[in-house]
Amino acid sequence: MVDDGHASSSSSSAQVSGGEGAETEAILLKVAMVGDSQIGKTTLMVKYVNGCFDEDYIQTLGVNFLEKTIHVHGNEINFSIWDLGGQREFVSMLPLVSNDASAILFMFDLTRRRTLSSIKEWFRQARGFNETAIPILVGTKYDLFADLPRQEQEDITRQAKRFAKVMHAPLVFCSSLETINVAKIFKIILAKEFGLQCTIPEIDEVGEPILLYKNT
């Protein structure tokens, strides 16, 4: 089971535990992050792995890479997170980031609508290199999005839901600054990768940090 407080394994997950005293072998999950530049990919990765928010933004040139180890009912899970720079000159590195990924986060800035429109092309290209990875549509900077006019929030939310439906992807609005829905993205990945029950409550109200994953 994966819930809002902790994650635990079930018989449907990849078993890494043996008998009493047996050594366990870590499970590696590669997660790719793609999207336009300056949308908060690196910030989200650093927030999840290191638990900190760095306001001094350094634009990713090429590929960033971090790892985080968690334990799920005694099983060791290693998240290997790959962050691709959003400039078009780095698209040639997309195969490196996408290949063998268990999940791909297609990310956009909730306050810049054109970054959501760009998801179509990112999705098309990434799917060309990896057809089986779990897709997740992630809207960043929810803390700033919440200050936008209500109508603009409704329009962006509607468009994001439409994209997520076509992609057969969970939809998550997050904020690295306010630590909103950051860890939940990776809990959803765990649940979907191993077929675990996920009890994280869904959120589907405009103006709230959207979190939809059950019907994908």
N, C-alpha and C. Protein backbone atom coordinates (compact mmCIF):
# COMPACT_ATOMS: atom_id res chain seq x y z
N MET A 1 0.84 -1.20 0.00
CA MET A 1 0.00 0.00 0.00
C MET A 1 0.87 1.25 0.00
N VAL A 2 0.44 2.26 -0.73
CA VAL A 2 1.10 3.55 -0.72
C VAL A 2 0.08 4.57 -0.26
N ASP A 3 0.35 5.28 0.84
CA ASP A 3 -0.61 6.25 1.34
C ASP A 3 0.05 7.60 1.49
N ASP A 4 -0.68 8.52 2.12
CA ASP A 4 -0.19 9.89 2.22
C ASP A 4 0.91 10.04 3.26
N GLY A 5 1.10 9.03 4.09
CA GLY A 5 2.12 9.16 5.11
C GLY A 5 3.35 8.33 4.83
N HIS A 6 3.15 7.11 4.33
CA HIS A 6 4.30 6.26 4.08
C HIS A 6 3.93 5.27 3.00
N ALA A 7 4.94 4.61 2.47
CA ALA A 7 4.70 3.59 1.46
C ALA A 7 5.04 2.23 2.02
N SER A 8 4.25 1.23 1.64
CA SER A 8 4.54 -0.14 2.06
C SER A 8 4.33 -1.07 0.89
N SER A 9 5.03 -2.18 0.88
CA SER A 9 4.97 -3.09 -0.25
C SER A 9 3.81 -4.06 -0.11
N SER A 10 3.49 -4.75 -1.18
CA SER A 10 2.51 -5.81 -1.17
C SER A 10 3.04 -6.96 -2.00
N SER A 11 2.29 -8.07 -2.03
CA SER A 11 2.76 -9.24 -2.74
C SER A 11 2.85 -9.01 -4.23
N SER A 12 2.18 -7.97 -4.73
CA SER A 12 2.21 -7.70 -6.16
C SER A 12 3.43 -6.90 -6.58
N SER A 13 4.20 -6.41 -5.61
CA SER A 13 5.40 -5.67 -5.96
C SER A 13 6.53 -6.63 -6.26
N ALA A 14 7.62 -6.08 -6.82
CA ALA A 14 8.80 -6.91 -7.04
C ALA A 14 9.41 -7.22 -5.68
N GLN A 15 9.42 -8.48 -5.32
CA GLN A 15 9.88 -8.86 -3.99
C GLN A 15 11.40 -8.82 -3.90
N VAL A 16 11.92 -8.14 -2.90
CA VAL A 16 13.36 -8.11 -2.70
C VAL A 16 13.75 -8.67 -1.34
N SER A 17 12.75 -9.05 -0.54
CA SER A 17 13.06 -9.57 0.78
C SER A 17 13.02 -11.09 0.78
N GLY A 18 13.99 -11.69 1.45
CA GLY A 18 14.02 -13.13 1.54
C GLY A 18 13.62 -13.57 2.93
N GLY A 19 14.19 -14.67 3.38
CA GLY A 19 13.88 -15.15 4.71
C GLY A 19 14.57 -14.31 5.76
N GLU A 20 14.42 -14.71 7.00
CA GLU A 20 15.00 -13.95 8.10
C GLU A 20 16.51 -13.88 7.94
N GLY A 21 17.04 -12.67 7.98
CA GLY A 21 18.47 -12.48 7.87
C GLY A 21 18.97 -12.44 6.45
N ALA A 22 18.08 -12.65 5.47
CA ALA A 22 18.52 -12.66 4.07
C ALA A 22 18.81 -11.24 3.61
N GLU A 23 19.82 -11.11 2.76
CA GLU A 23 20.14 -9.80 2.21
C GLU A 23 19.11 -9.42 1.15
N THR A 24 18.86 -8.14 1.02
CA THR A 24 17.92 -7.66 0.01
C THR A 24 18.68 -6.97 -1.11
N GLU A 25 18.09 -6.99 -2.27
CA GLU A 25 18.69 -6.34 -3.43
C GLU A 25 17.84 -5.14 -3.81
N ALA A 26 18.47 -3.99 -3.93
CA ALA A 26 17.72 -2.76 -4.20
C ALA A 26 17.06 -2.81 -5.57
N ILE A 27 15.90 -2.17 -5.66
CA ILE A 27 15.20 -2.01 -6.93
C ILE A 27 15.51 -0.62 -7.46
N LEU A 28 15.94 -0.54 -8.70
CA LEU A 28 16.26 0.75 -9.33
C LEU A 28 15.10 1.21 -10.19
N LEU A 29 14.63 2.42 -9.94
CA LEU A 29 13.59 3.03 -10.76
C LEU A 29 14.14 4.32 -11.37
N LYS A 30 14.29 4.33 -12.67
CA LYS A 30 14.74 5.53 -13.36
C LYS A 30 13.54 6.41 -13.69
N VAL A 31 13.64 7.68 -13.34
CA VAL A 31 12.58 8.65 -13.61
C VAL A 31 13.15 9.78 -14.46
N ALA A 32 12.56 10.02 -15.62
CA ALA A 32 13.00 11.10 -16.50
C ALA A 32 12.11 12.32 -16.30
N MET A 33 12.71 13.51 -16.42
CA MET A 33 11.98 14.77 -16.31
C MET A 33 12.23 15.58 -17.57
N VAL A 34 11.16 15.89 -18.31
CA VAL A 34 11.31 16.65 -19.54
C VAL A 34 10.30 17.80 -19.57
N GLY A 35 10.61 18.80 -20.38
CA GLY A 35 9.76 19.99 -20.49
C GLY A 35 10.61 21.19 -20.86
N ASP A 36 9.96 22.31 -21.11
CA ASP A 36 10.67 23.52 -21.51
C ASP A 36 11.63 23.99 -20.43
N SER A 37 12.49 24.94 -20.79
CA SER A 37 13.47 25.47 -19.84
C SER A 37 12.81 26.38 -18.80
N GLN A 38 13.41 26.45 -17.64
CA GLN A 38 13.01 27.35 -16.55
C GLN A 38 11.59 27.11 -16.08
N ILE A 39 11.19 25.84 -16.01
CA ILE A 39 9.85 25.52 -15.51
C ILE A 39 9.90 24.90 -14.11
N GLY A 40 11.10 24.63 -13.60
CA GLY A 40 11.22 24.10 -12.25
C GLY A 40 11.53 22.62 -12.16
N LYS A 41 12.07 22.03 -13.22
CA LYS A 41 12.42 20.60 -13.18
C LYS A 41 13.51 20.34 -12.15
N THR A 42 14.61 21.09 -12.26
CA THR A 42 15.73 20.90 -11.34
C THR A 42 15.31 21.20 -9.90
N THR A 43 14.52 22.24 -9.74
CA THR A 43 14.06 22.62 -8.40
C THR A 43 13.26 21.51 -7.75
N LEU A 44 12.37 20.88 -8.53
CA LEU A 44 11.57 19.79 -7.99
C LEU A 44 12.46 18.59 -7.63
N MET A 45 13.41 18.28 -8.50
CA MET A 45 14.31 17.16 -8.24
C MET A 45 15.11 17.39 -6.96
N VAL A 46 15.68 18.58 -6.81
CA VAL A 46 16.48 18.90 -5.63
C VAL A 46 15.60 18.91 -4.37
N LYS A 47 14.38 19.42 -4.50
CA LYS A 47 13.47 19.45 -3.36
C LYS A 47 13.16 18.03 -2.89
N TYR A 48 12.87 17.14 -3.83
CA TYR A 48 12.53 15.76 -3.46
C TYR A 48 13.74 15.02 -2.88
N VAL A 49 14.89 15.18 -3.50
CA VAL A 49 16.07 14.42 -3.08
C VAL A 49 16.71 15.01 -1.82
N ASN A 50 16.89 16.33 -1.80
CA ASN A 50 17.63 16.96 -0.70
C ASN A 50 16.74 17.70 0.30
N GLY A 51 15.47 17.87 -0.05
CA GLY A 51 14.55 18.53 0.87
C GLY A 51 14.73 20.02 1.00
N CYS A 52 15.39 20.64 0.02
CA CYS A 52 15.63 22.09 0.10
C CYS A 52 15.17 22.78 -1.17
N PHE A 53 14.91 24.08 -1.04
CA PHE A 53 14.49 24.90 -2.17
C PHE A 53 15.54 25.98 -2.38
N ASP A 54 16.12 26.01 -3.58
CA ASP A 54 17.18 26.97 -3.89
C ASP A 54 16.62 28.05 -4.81
N GLU A 55 16.55 29.28 -4.30
CA GLU A 55 16.02 30.38 -5.11
C GLU A 55 17.02 30.85 -6.16
N ASP A 56 18.29 30.51 -5.98
CA ASP A 56 19.32 30.89 -6.95
C ASP A 56 19.34 29.88 -8.08
N TYR A 57 18.47 30.10 -9.05
CA TYR A 57 18.26 29.14 -10.14
C TYR A 57 19.45 29.10 -11.08
N ILE A 58 19.94 27.90 -11.34
CA ILE A 58 20.99 27.69 -12.34
C ILE A 58 20.41 26.84 -13.45
N GLN A 59 20.34 27.39 -14.64
CA GLN A 59 19.71 26.70 -15.76
C GLN A 59 20.49 25.43 -16.11
N THR A 60 19.75 24.34 -16.29
CA THR A 60 20.38 23.06 -16.62
C THR A 60 20.95 23.09 -18.03
N LEU A 61 22.22 22.76 -18.15
CA LEU A 61 22.87 22.65 -19.45
C LEU A 61 23.14 21.17 -19.70
N GLY A 62 22.31 20.57 -20.51
CA GLY A 62 22.46 19.14 -20.78
C GLY A 62 21.58 18.33 -19.87
N VAL A 63 22.20 17.52 -19.01
CA VAL A 63 21.46 16.61 -18.15
C VAL A 63 21.94 16.71 -16.71
N ASN A 64 21.01 16.84 -15.78
CA ASN A 64 21.30 16.74 -14.35
C ASN A 64 20.86 15.37 -13.86
N PHE A 65 21.47 14.91 -12.79
CA PHE A 65 21.20 13.56 -12.32
C PHE A 65 21.34 13.50 -10.81
N LEU A 66 20.31 13.00 -10.12
CA LEU A 66 20.37 12.80 -8.68
C LEU A 66 19.73 11.46 -8.33
N GLU A 67 20.09 10.92 -7.17
CA GLU A 67 19.51 9.67 -6.70
C GLU A 67 18.94 9.84 -5.30
N LYS A 68 17.88 9.10 -5.03
CA LYS A 68 17.29 9.08 -3.68
C LYS A 68 16.88 7.65 -3.35
N THR A 69 17.26 7.21 -2.17
CA THR A 69 16.91 5.87 -1.71
C THR A 69 15.81 5.95 -0.66
N ILE A 70 14.77 5.15 -0.85
CA ILE A 70 13.71 5.06 0.15
C ILE A 70 13.52 3.59 0.50
N HIS A 71 12.80 3.33 1.59
CA HIS A 71 12.54 1.96 2.00
C HIS A 71 11.04 1.73 2.08
N VAL A 72 10.59 0.68 1.45
CA VAL A 72 9.17 0.34 1.39
C VAL A 72 9.00 -1.05 2.01
N HIS A 73 8.54 -1.08 3.25
CA HIS A 73 8.38 -2.35 3.98
C HIS A 73 9.64 -3.21 3.93
N GLY A 74 10.76 -2.60 4.19
CA GLY A 74 12.02 -3.33 4.21
C GLY A 74 12.69 -3.48 2.86
N ASN A 75 11.98 -3.12 1.80
CA ASN A 75 12.57 -3.17 0.47
C ASN A 75 13.23 -1.83 0.14
N GLU A 76 14.40 -1.89 -0.44
CA GLU A 76 15.13 -0.67 -0.79
C GLU A 76 14.83 -0.28 -2.23
N ILE A 77 14.35 0.95 -2.41
CA ILE A 77 14.04 1.48 -3.74
C ILE A 77 14.98 2.64 -4.02
N ASN A 78 15.70 2.56 -5.11
CA ASN A 78 16.58 3.66 -5.52
C ASN A 78 15.96 4.40 -6.70
N PHE A 79 15.55 5.64 -6.46
CA PHE A 79 15.08 6.49 -7.55
C PHE A 79 16.30 7.13 -8.22
N SER A 80 16.45 6.92 -9.50
CA SER A 80 17.48 7.56 -10.30
C SER A 80 16.78 8.60 -11.17
N ILE A 81 16.95 9.87 -10.85
CA ILE A 81 16.17 10.94 -11.47
C ILE A 81 17.03 11.72 -12.46
N TRP A 82 16.57 11.78 -13.69
CA TRP A 82 17.30 12.42 -14.79
C TRP A 82 16.53 13.65 -15.25
N ASP A 83 17.20 14.79 -15.23
CA ASP A 83 16.60 16.09 -15.55
C ASP A 83 17.23 16.61 -16.84
N LEU A 84 16.43 16.69 -17.90
CA LEU A 84 16.93 17.16 -19.20
C LEU A 84 16.72 18.66 -19.34
N GLY A 85 17.78 19.39 -19.70
CA GLY A 85 17.66 20.82 -19.97
C GLY A 85 16.61 21.07 -21.05
N GLY A 86 15.83 22.13 -20.87
CA GLY A 86 14.70 22.36 -21.76
C GLY A 86 15.01 23.05 -23.08
N GLN A 87 16.24 23.54 -23.25
CA GLN A 87 16.58 24.19 -24.51
C GLN A 87 16.60 23.16 -25.63
N ARG A 88 16.20 23.61 -26.81
CA ARG A 88 16.06 22.68 -27.93
C ARG A 88 17.37 22.03 -28.35
N GLU A 89 18.51 22.68 -28.05
CA GLU A 89 19.78 22.08 -28.44
C GLU A 89 20.09 20.82 -27.64
N PHE A 90 19.34 20.58 -26.57
CA PHE A 90 19.58 19.39 -25.76
C PHE A 90 18.64 18.24 -26.09
N VAL A 91 17.78 18.43 -27.08
CA VAL A 91 16.84 17.37 -27.46
C VAL A 91 17.59 16.11 -27.89
N SER A 92 18.80 16.28 -28.41
CA SER A 92 19.60 15.12 -28.83
C SER A 92 19.91 14.19 -27.66
N MET A 93 19.80 14.72 -26.43
CA MET A 93 20.06 13.90 -25.24
C MET A 93 18.80 13.21 -24.72
N LEU A 94 17.67 13.45 -25.39
CA LEU A 94 16.41 12.86 -24.94
C LEU A 94 16.46 11.33 -24.88
N PRO A 95 17.09 10.65 -25.85
CA PRO A 95 17.18 9.18 -25.74
C PRO A 95 17.91 8.74 -24.47
N LEU A 96 18.99 9.45 -24.10
CA LEU A 96 19.75 9.11 -22.90
C LEU A 96 18.87 9.20 -21.66
N VAL A 97 18.03 10.23 -21.61
CA VAL A 97 17.18 10.45 -20.44
C VAL A 97 15.98 9.51 -20.43
N SER A 98 15.41 9.26 -21.60
CA SER A 98 14.16 8.49 -21.69
C SER A 98 14.35 6.98 -21.67
N ASN A 99 15.41 6.50 -22.31
CA ASN A 99 15.61 5.06 -22.42
C ASN A 99 15.67 4.40 -21.05
N ASP A 100 14.95 3.30 -20.91
CA ASP A 100 14.93 2.50 -19.67
C ASP A 100 14.26 3.19 -18.50
N ALA A 101 13.63 4.34 -18.71
CA ALA A 101 12.93 5.01 -17.62
C ALA A 101 11.65 4.25 -17.26
N SER A 102 11.40 4.11 -15.97
CA SER A 102 10.15 3.52 -15.51
C SER A 102 9.01 4.51 -15.60
N ALA A 103 9.34 5.80 -15.46
CA ALA A 103 8.34 6.86 -15.53
C ALA A 103 8.96 8.10 -16.17
N ILE A 104 8.14 8.85 -16.87
CA ILE A 104 8.58 10.13 -17.44
C ILE A 104 7.64 11.22 -16.94
N LEU A 105 8.21 12.23 -16.30
CA LEU A 105 7.44 13.40 -15.86
C LEU A 105 7.47 14.43 -16.98
N PHE A 106 6.30 14.70 -17.54
CA PHE A 106 6.16 15.74 -18.56
C PHE A 106 5.73 17.01 -17.83
N MET A 107 6.66 17.98 -17.73
CA MET A 107 6.48 19.08 -16.81
C MET A 107 6.25 20.42 -17.52
N PHE A 108 5.41 21.26 -16.91
CA PHE A 108 5.14 22.58 -17.45
C PHE A 108 4.92 23.55 -16.30
N ASP A 109 5.10 24.83 -16.60
CA ASP A 109 4.93 25.91 -15.63
C ASP A 109 3.47 26.36 -15.68
N LEU A 110 2.76 26.23 -14.57
CA LEU A 110 1.34 26.58 -14.52
C LEU A 110 1.08 28.05 -14.81
N THR A 111 2.10 28.89 -14.70
CA THR A 111 1.91 30.32 -14.94
C THR A 111 2.30 30.73 -16.36
N ARG A 112 2.80 29.77 -17.15
CA ARG A 112 3.18 30.06 -18.54
C ARG A 112 2.51 29.02 -19.45
N ARG A 113 1.42 29.40 -20.02
CA ARG A 113 0.58 28.46 -20.74
C ARG A 113 1.28 27.83 -21.94
N ARG A 114 2.20 28.56 -22.54
CA ARG A 114 2.88 28.01 -23.72
C ARG A 114 3.73 26.79 -23.35
N THR A 115 4.17 26.71 -22.09
CA THR A 115 4.94 25.54 -21.67
C THR A 115 4.06 24.30 -21.59
N LEU A 116 2.76 24.50 -21.37
CA LEU A 116 1.82 23.39 -21.42
C LEU A 116 1.59 22.96 -22.86
N SER A 117 1.47 23.93 -23.76
CA SER A 117 1.29 23.61 -25.18
C SER A 117 2.48 22.81 -25.72
N SER A 118 3.67 23.08 -25.18
CA SER A 118 4.88 22.38 -25.63
C SER A 118 4.87 20.90 -25.27
N ILE A 119 4.02 20.52 -24.31
CA ILE A 119 3.99 19.13 -23.86
C ILE A 119 3.67 18.18 -25.01
N LYS A 120 2.86 18.62 -25.96
CA LYS A 120 2.51 17.75 -27.10
C LYS A 120 3.77 17.24 -27.79
N GLU A 121 4.72 18.14 -28.06
CA GLU A 121 5.92 17.75 -28.77
C GLU A 121 6.86 16.94 -27.87
N TRP A 122 6.97 17.33 -26.61
CA TRP A 122 7.80 16.56 -25.68
C TRP A 122 7.27 15.13 -25.57
N PHE A 123 5.97 15.00 -25.49
CA PHE A 123 5.36 13.67 -25.36
C PHE A 123 5.61 12.84 -26.61
N ARG A 124 5.43 13.45 -27.76
CA ARG A 124 5.63 12.73 -29.02
C ARG A 124 7.07 12.23 -29.13
N GLN A 125 8.02 13.10 -28.83
CA GLN A 125 9.42 12.71 -28.98
C GLN A 125 9.85 11.68 -27.93
N ALA A 126 9.47 11.89 -26.69
CA ALA A 126 9.87 10.95 -25.64
C ALA A 126 9.26 9.58 -25.86
N ARG A 127 8.02 9.54 -26.31
CA ARG A 127 7.35 8.27 -26.57
C ARG A 127 8.05 7.51 -27.71
N GLY A 128 8.71 8.24 -28.59
CA GLY A 128 9.44 7.59 -29.66
C GLY A 128 10.61 6.77 -29.16
N PHE A 129 11.12 7.12 -27.97
CA PHE A 129 12.25 6.40 -27.39
C PHE A 129 11.84 5.44 -26.28
N ASN A 130 10.65 5.66 -25.72
CA ASN A 130 10.20 4.81 -24.62
C ASN A 130 8.67 4.78 -24.63
N GLU A 131 8.10 3.68 -25.08
CA GLU A 131 6.65 3.56 -25.20
C GLU A 131 6.00 3.00 -23.95
N THR A 132 6.79 2.49 -23.02
CA THR A 132 6.23 1.78 -21.87
C THR A 132 6.32 2.54 -20.55
N ALA A 133 7.10 3.60 -20.49
CA ALA A 133 7.25 4.35 -19.23
C ALA A 133 5.91 4.94 -18.79
N ILE A 134 5.71 5.00 -17.49
CA ILE A 134 4.52 5.63 -16.93
C ILE A 134 4.60 7.13 -17.17
N PRO A 135 3.63 7.72 -17.89
CA PRO A 135 3.66 9.17 -18.09
C PRO A 135 2.92 9.88 -16.95
N ILE A 136 3.47 10.97 -16.48
CA ILE A 136 2.80 11.80 -15.48
C ILE A 136 2.92 13.26 -15.92
N LEU A 137 1.79 13.95 -15.99
CA LEU A 137 1.77 15.36 -16.37
C LEU A 137 1.84 16.19 -15.10
N VAL A 138 2.89 17.00 -14.98
CA VAL A 138 3.16 17.74 -13.75
C VAL A 138 3.17 19.24 -14.02
N GLY A 139 2.29 19.97 -13.36
CA GLY A 139 2.28 21.42 -13.43
C GLY A 139 3.02 21.99 -12.23
N THR A 140 4.03 22.82 -12.47
CA THR A 140 4.86 23.35 -11.39
C THR A 140 4.42 24.77 -11.00
N LYS A 141 4.98 25.25 -9.91
CA LYS A 141 4.78 26.62 -9.41
C LYS A 141 3.31 26.89 -9.07
N TYR A 142 2.69 25.91 -8.41
CA TYR A 142 1.30 26.08 -8.00
C TYR A 142 1.13 27.28 -7.09
N ASP A 143 2.14 27.59 -6.28
CA ASP A 143 2.03 28.73 -5.35
C ASP A 143 1.80 30.03 -6.11
N LEU A 144 2.39 30.18 -7.30
CA LEU A 144 2.17 31.37 -8.13
C LEU A 144 0.87 31.25 -8.92
N PHE A 145 0.57 30.05 -9.37
CA PHE A 145 -0.67 29.79 -10.12
C PHE A 145 -1.90 30.15 -9.28
N ALA A 146 -1.83 29.91 -7.98
CA ALA A 146 -2.97 30.17 -7.10
C ALA A 146 -3.32 31.65 -7.02
N ASP A 147 -2.39 32.52 -7.43
CA ASP A 147 -2.64 33.96 -7.41
C ASP A 147 -3.20 34.49 -8.73
N LEU A 148 -3.29 33.63 -9.74
CA LEU A 148 -3.83 34.06 -11.03
C LEU A 148 -5.34 34.27 -10.94
N PRO A 149 -5.91 35.08 -11.85
CA PRO A 149 -7.37 35.24 -11.88
C PRO A 149 -8.08 33.90 -12.01
N ARG A 150 -9.24 33.78 -11.42
CA ARG A 150 -9.98 32.52 -11.39
C ARG A 150 -10.21 31.96 -12.80
N GLN A 151 -10.58 32.82 -13.74
CA GLN A 151 -10.87 32.34 -15.09
C GLN A 151 -9.63 31.73 -15.73
N GLU A 152 -8.48 32.36 -15.50
CA GLU A 152 -7.24 31.83 -16.06
C GLU A 152 -6.90 30.48 -15.44
N GLN A 153 -7.12 30.36 -14.14
CA GLN A 153 -6.90 29.06 -13.49
C GLN A 153 -7.81 27.99 -14.08
N GLU A 154 -9.06 28.34 -14.32
CA GLU A 154 -10.01 27.38 -14.89
C GLU A 154 -9.58 26.94 -16.28
N ASP A 155 -9.15 27.90 -17.10
CA ASP A 155 -8.76 27.58 -18.48
C ASP A 155 -7.54 26.66 -18.51
N ILE A 156 -6.53 26.98 -17.70
CA ILE A 156 -5.31 26.17 -17.68
C ILE A 156 -5.60 24.78 -17.12
N THR A 157 -6.41 24.72 -16.07
CA THR A 157 -6.76 23.42 -15.48
C THR A 157 -7.51 22.56 -16.48
N ARG A 158 -8.43 23.17 -17.21
CA ARG A 158 -9.21 22.43 -18.21
C ARG A 158 -8.30 21.87 -19.30
N GLN A 159 -7.37 22.71 -19.78
CA GLN A 159 -6.45 22.26 -20.83
C GLN A 159 -5.53 21.16 -20.31
N ALA A 160 -5.04 21.30 -19.09
CA ALA A 160 -4.15 20.29 -18.52
C ALA A 160 -4.88 18.95 -18.37
N LYS A 161 -6.12 19.00 -17.93
CA LYS A 161 -6.91 17.77 -17.80
C LYS A 161 -7.11 17.11 -19.16
N ARG A 162 -7.34 17.92 -20.17
CA ARG A 162 -7.53 17.37 -21.52
C ARG A 162 -6.25 16.68 -22.01
N PHE A 163 -5.11 17.33 -21.79
CA PHE A 163 -3.84 16.73 -22.19
C PHE A 163 -3.60 15.42 -21.43
N ALA A 164 -3.83 15.44 -20.12
CA ALA A 164 -3.60 14.24 -19.30
C ALA A 164 -4.47 13.08 -19.76
N LYS A 165 -5.69 13.38 -20.15
CA LYS A 165 -6.60 12.33 -20.62
C LYS A 165 -6.07 11.69 -21.89
N VAL A 166 -5.62 12.52 -22.83
CA VAL A 166 -5.08 12.00 -24.09
C VAL A 166 -3.81 11.19 -23.84
N MET A 167 -3.01 11.62 -22.88
CA MET A 167 -1.75 10.95 -22.56
C MET A 167 -1.95 9.71 -21.69
N HIS A 168 -3.18 9.52 -21.18
CA HIS A 168 -3.44 8.45 -20.20
C HIS A 168 -2.49 8.59 -19.02
N ALA A 169 -2.41 9.83 -18.53
CA ALA A 169 -1.42 10.15 -17.49
C ALA A 169 -2.08 10.74 -16.25
N PRO A 170 -1.56 10.45 -15.06
CA PRO A 170 -1.96 11.19 -13.87
C PRO A 170 -1.63 12.68 -14.07
N LEU A 171 -2.37 13.53 -13.38
CA LEU A 171 -2.14 14.98 -13.44
C LEU A 171 -1.89 15.48 -12.03
N VAL A 172 -0.76 16.17 -11.85
CA VAL A 172 -0.40 16.68 -10.53
C VAL A 172 0.05 18.13 -10.65
N PHE A 173 -0.56 19.02 -9.85
CA PHE A 173 -0.08 20.38 -9.70
C PHE A 173 0.76 20.41 -8.43
N CYS A 174 1.97 20.98 -8.52
CA CYS A 174 2.85 20.94 -7.35
C CYS A 174 3.54 22.29 -7.14
N SER A 175 4.12 22.44 -5.97
CA SER A 175 4.93 23.61 -5.64
C SER A 175 6.15 23.14 -4.86
N SER A 176 7.33 23.35 -5.43
CA SER A 176 8.55 23.00 -4.71
C SER A 176 8.80 23.97 -3.56
N LEU A 177 8.44 25.23 -3.75
CA LEU A 177 8.63 26.24 -2.71
C LEU A 177 7.81 25.91 -1.47
N GLU A 178 6.54 25.56 -1.68
CA GLU A 178 5.63 25.30 -0.57
C GLU A 178 5.53 23.81 -0.21
N THR A 179 6.32 22.99 -0.88
CA THR A 179 6.32 21.53 -0.66
C THR A 179 4.92 20.95 -0.80
N ILE A 180 4.30 21.23 -1.93
CA ILE A 180 2.96 20.73 -2.21
C ILE A 180 3.03 19.65 -3.28
N ASN A 181 2.60 18.46 -2.94
CA ASN A 181 2.48 17.32 -3.87
C ASN A 181 3.82 16.83 -4.45
N VAL A 182 4.93 17.23 -3.90
CA VAL A 182 6.23 16.82 -4.45
C VAL A 182 6.46 15.33 -4.24
N ALA A 183 6.43 14.88 -2.99
CA ALA A 183 6.67 13.46 -2.70
C ALA A 183 5.56 12.58 -3.27
N LYS A 184 4.35 13.13 -3.38
CA LYS A 184 3.22 12.32 -3.87
C LYS A 184 3.42 11.87 -5.31
N ILE A 185 4.14 12.67 -6.09
CA ILE A 185 4.43 12.28 -7.48
C ILE A 185 5.15 10.94 -7.49
N PHE A 186 6.12 10.78 -6.61
CA PHE A 186 6.94 9.57 -6.59
C PHE A 186 6.21 8.41 -5.93
N LYS A 187 5.28 8.72 -5.02
CA LYS A 187 4.44 7.66 -4.45
C LYS A 187 3.50 7.09 -5.51
N ILE A 188 3.00 7.96 -6.38
CA ILE A 188 2.14 7.49 -7.48
C ILE A 188 2.95 6.60 -8.43
N ILE A 189 4.19 7.00 -8.70
CA ILE A 189 5.05 6.17 -9.55
C ILE A 189 5.22 4.78 -8.94
N LEU A 190 5.50 4.73 -7.65
CA LEU A 190 5.66 3.44 -6.96
C LEU A 190 4.41 2.59 -7.10
N ALA A 191 3.26 3.20 -6.83
CA ALA A 191 2.01 2.45 -6.88
C ALA A 191 1.74 1.89 -8.26
N LYS A 192 1.96 2.70 -9.29
CA LYS A 192 1.68 2.26 -10.65
C LYS A 192 2.72 1.26 -11.15
N GLU A 193 3.95 1.43 -10.78
CA GLU A 193 5.01 0.53 -11.23
C GLU A 193 4.82 -0.88 -10.67
N PHE A 194 4.39 -0.97 -9.40
CA PHE A 194 4.31 -2.27 -8.75
C PHE A 194 2.87 -2.74 -8.52
N GLY A 195 1.90 -2.00 -9.04
CA GLY A 195 0.51 -2.41 -8.88
C GLY A 195 0.03 -2.36 -7.45
N LEU A 196 0.52 -1.39 -6.68
CA LEU A 196 0.15 -1.26 -5.28
C LEU A 196 -1.10 -0.40 -5.13
N GLN A 197 -1.83 -0.64 -4.05
CA GLN A 197 -2.97 0.21 -3.73
C GLN A 197 -2.45 1.57 -3.27
N CYS A 198 -3.03 2.63 -3.81
CA CYS A 198 -2.63 3.99 -3.44
C CYS A 198 -3.82 4.70 -2.81
N THR A 199 -3.67 5.16 -1.58
CA THR A 199 -4.78 5.77 -0.86
C THR A 199 -4.65 7.29 -0.74
N ILE A 200 -3.75 7.88 -1.50
CA ILE A 200 -3.62 9.34 -1.48
C ILE A 200 -4.92 9.94 -2.02
N PRO A 201 -5.56 10.85 -1.29
CA PRO A 201 -6.82 11.44 -1.76
C PRO A 201 -6.61 12.24 -3.05
N GLU A 202 -7.54 12.08 -3.98
CA GLU A 202 -7.48 12.87 -5.20
C GLU A 202 -8.04 14.27 -4.93
N ILE A 203 -7.58 15.24 -5.70
CA ILE A 203 -8.05 16.62 -5.61
C ILE A 203 -8.45 17.07 -7.00
N ASP A 204 -9.69 17.54 -7.15
CA ASP A 204 -10.20 17.88 -8.47
C ASP A 204 -10.97 19.19 -8.48
N GLU A 205 -10.59 20.12 -7.62
CA GLU A 205 -11.26 21.41 -7.53
C GLU A 205 -10.37 22.51 -8.11
N VAL A 206 -10.92 23.32 -9.01
CA VAL A 206 -10.17 24.45 -9.55
C VAL A 206 -9.76 25.37 -8.40
N GLY A 207 -8.52 25.80 -8.42
CA GLY A 207 -8.00 26.62 -7.34
C GLY A 207 -7.24 25.83 -6.30
N GLU A 208 -7.41 24.50 -6.32
CA GLU A 208 -6.69 23.61 -5.42
C GLU A 208 -5.56 22.92 -6.20
N PRO A 209 -4.57 22.36 -5.48
CA PRO A 209 -3.48 21.66 -6.18
C PRO A 209 -3.96 20.31 -6.72
N ILE A 210 -4.34 20.31 -7.99
CA ILE A 210 -4.93 19.14 -8.64
C ILE A 210 -4.05 17.91 -8.45
N LEU A 211 -4.70 16.79 -8.14
CA LEU A 211 -4.00 15.51 -8.02
C LEU A 211 -4.98 14.41 -8.46
N LEU A 212 -4.80 13.93 -9.69
CA LEU A 212 -5.68 12.93 -10.28
C LEU A 212 -4.84 11.79 -10.83
N TYR A 213 -5.15 10.57 -10.41
CA TYR A 213 -4.32 9.45 -10.87
C TYR A 213 -5.06 8.12 -10.98
N LYS A 214 -6.26 8.01 -10.45
CA LYS A 214 -6.90 6.71 -10.32
C LYS A 214 -7.43 6.14 -11.63
N ASN A 215 -7.83 6.99 -12.55
CA ASN A 215 -8.44 6.51 -13.79
C ASN A 215 -7.49 6.59 -14.97
N THR A 216 -6.21 6.32 -14.73
CA THR A 216 -5.23 6.38 -15.81
C THR A 216 -4.57 5.02 -15.98
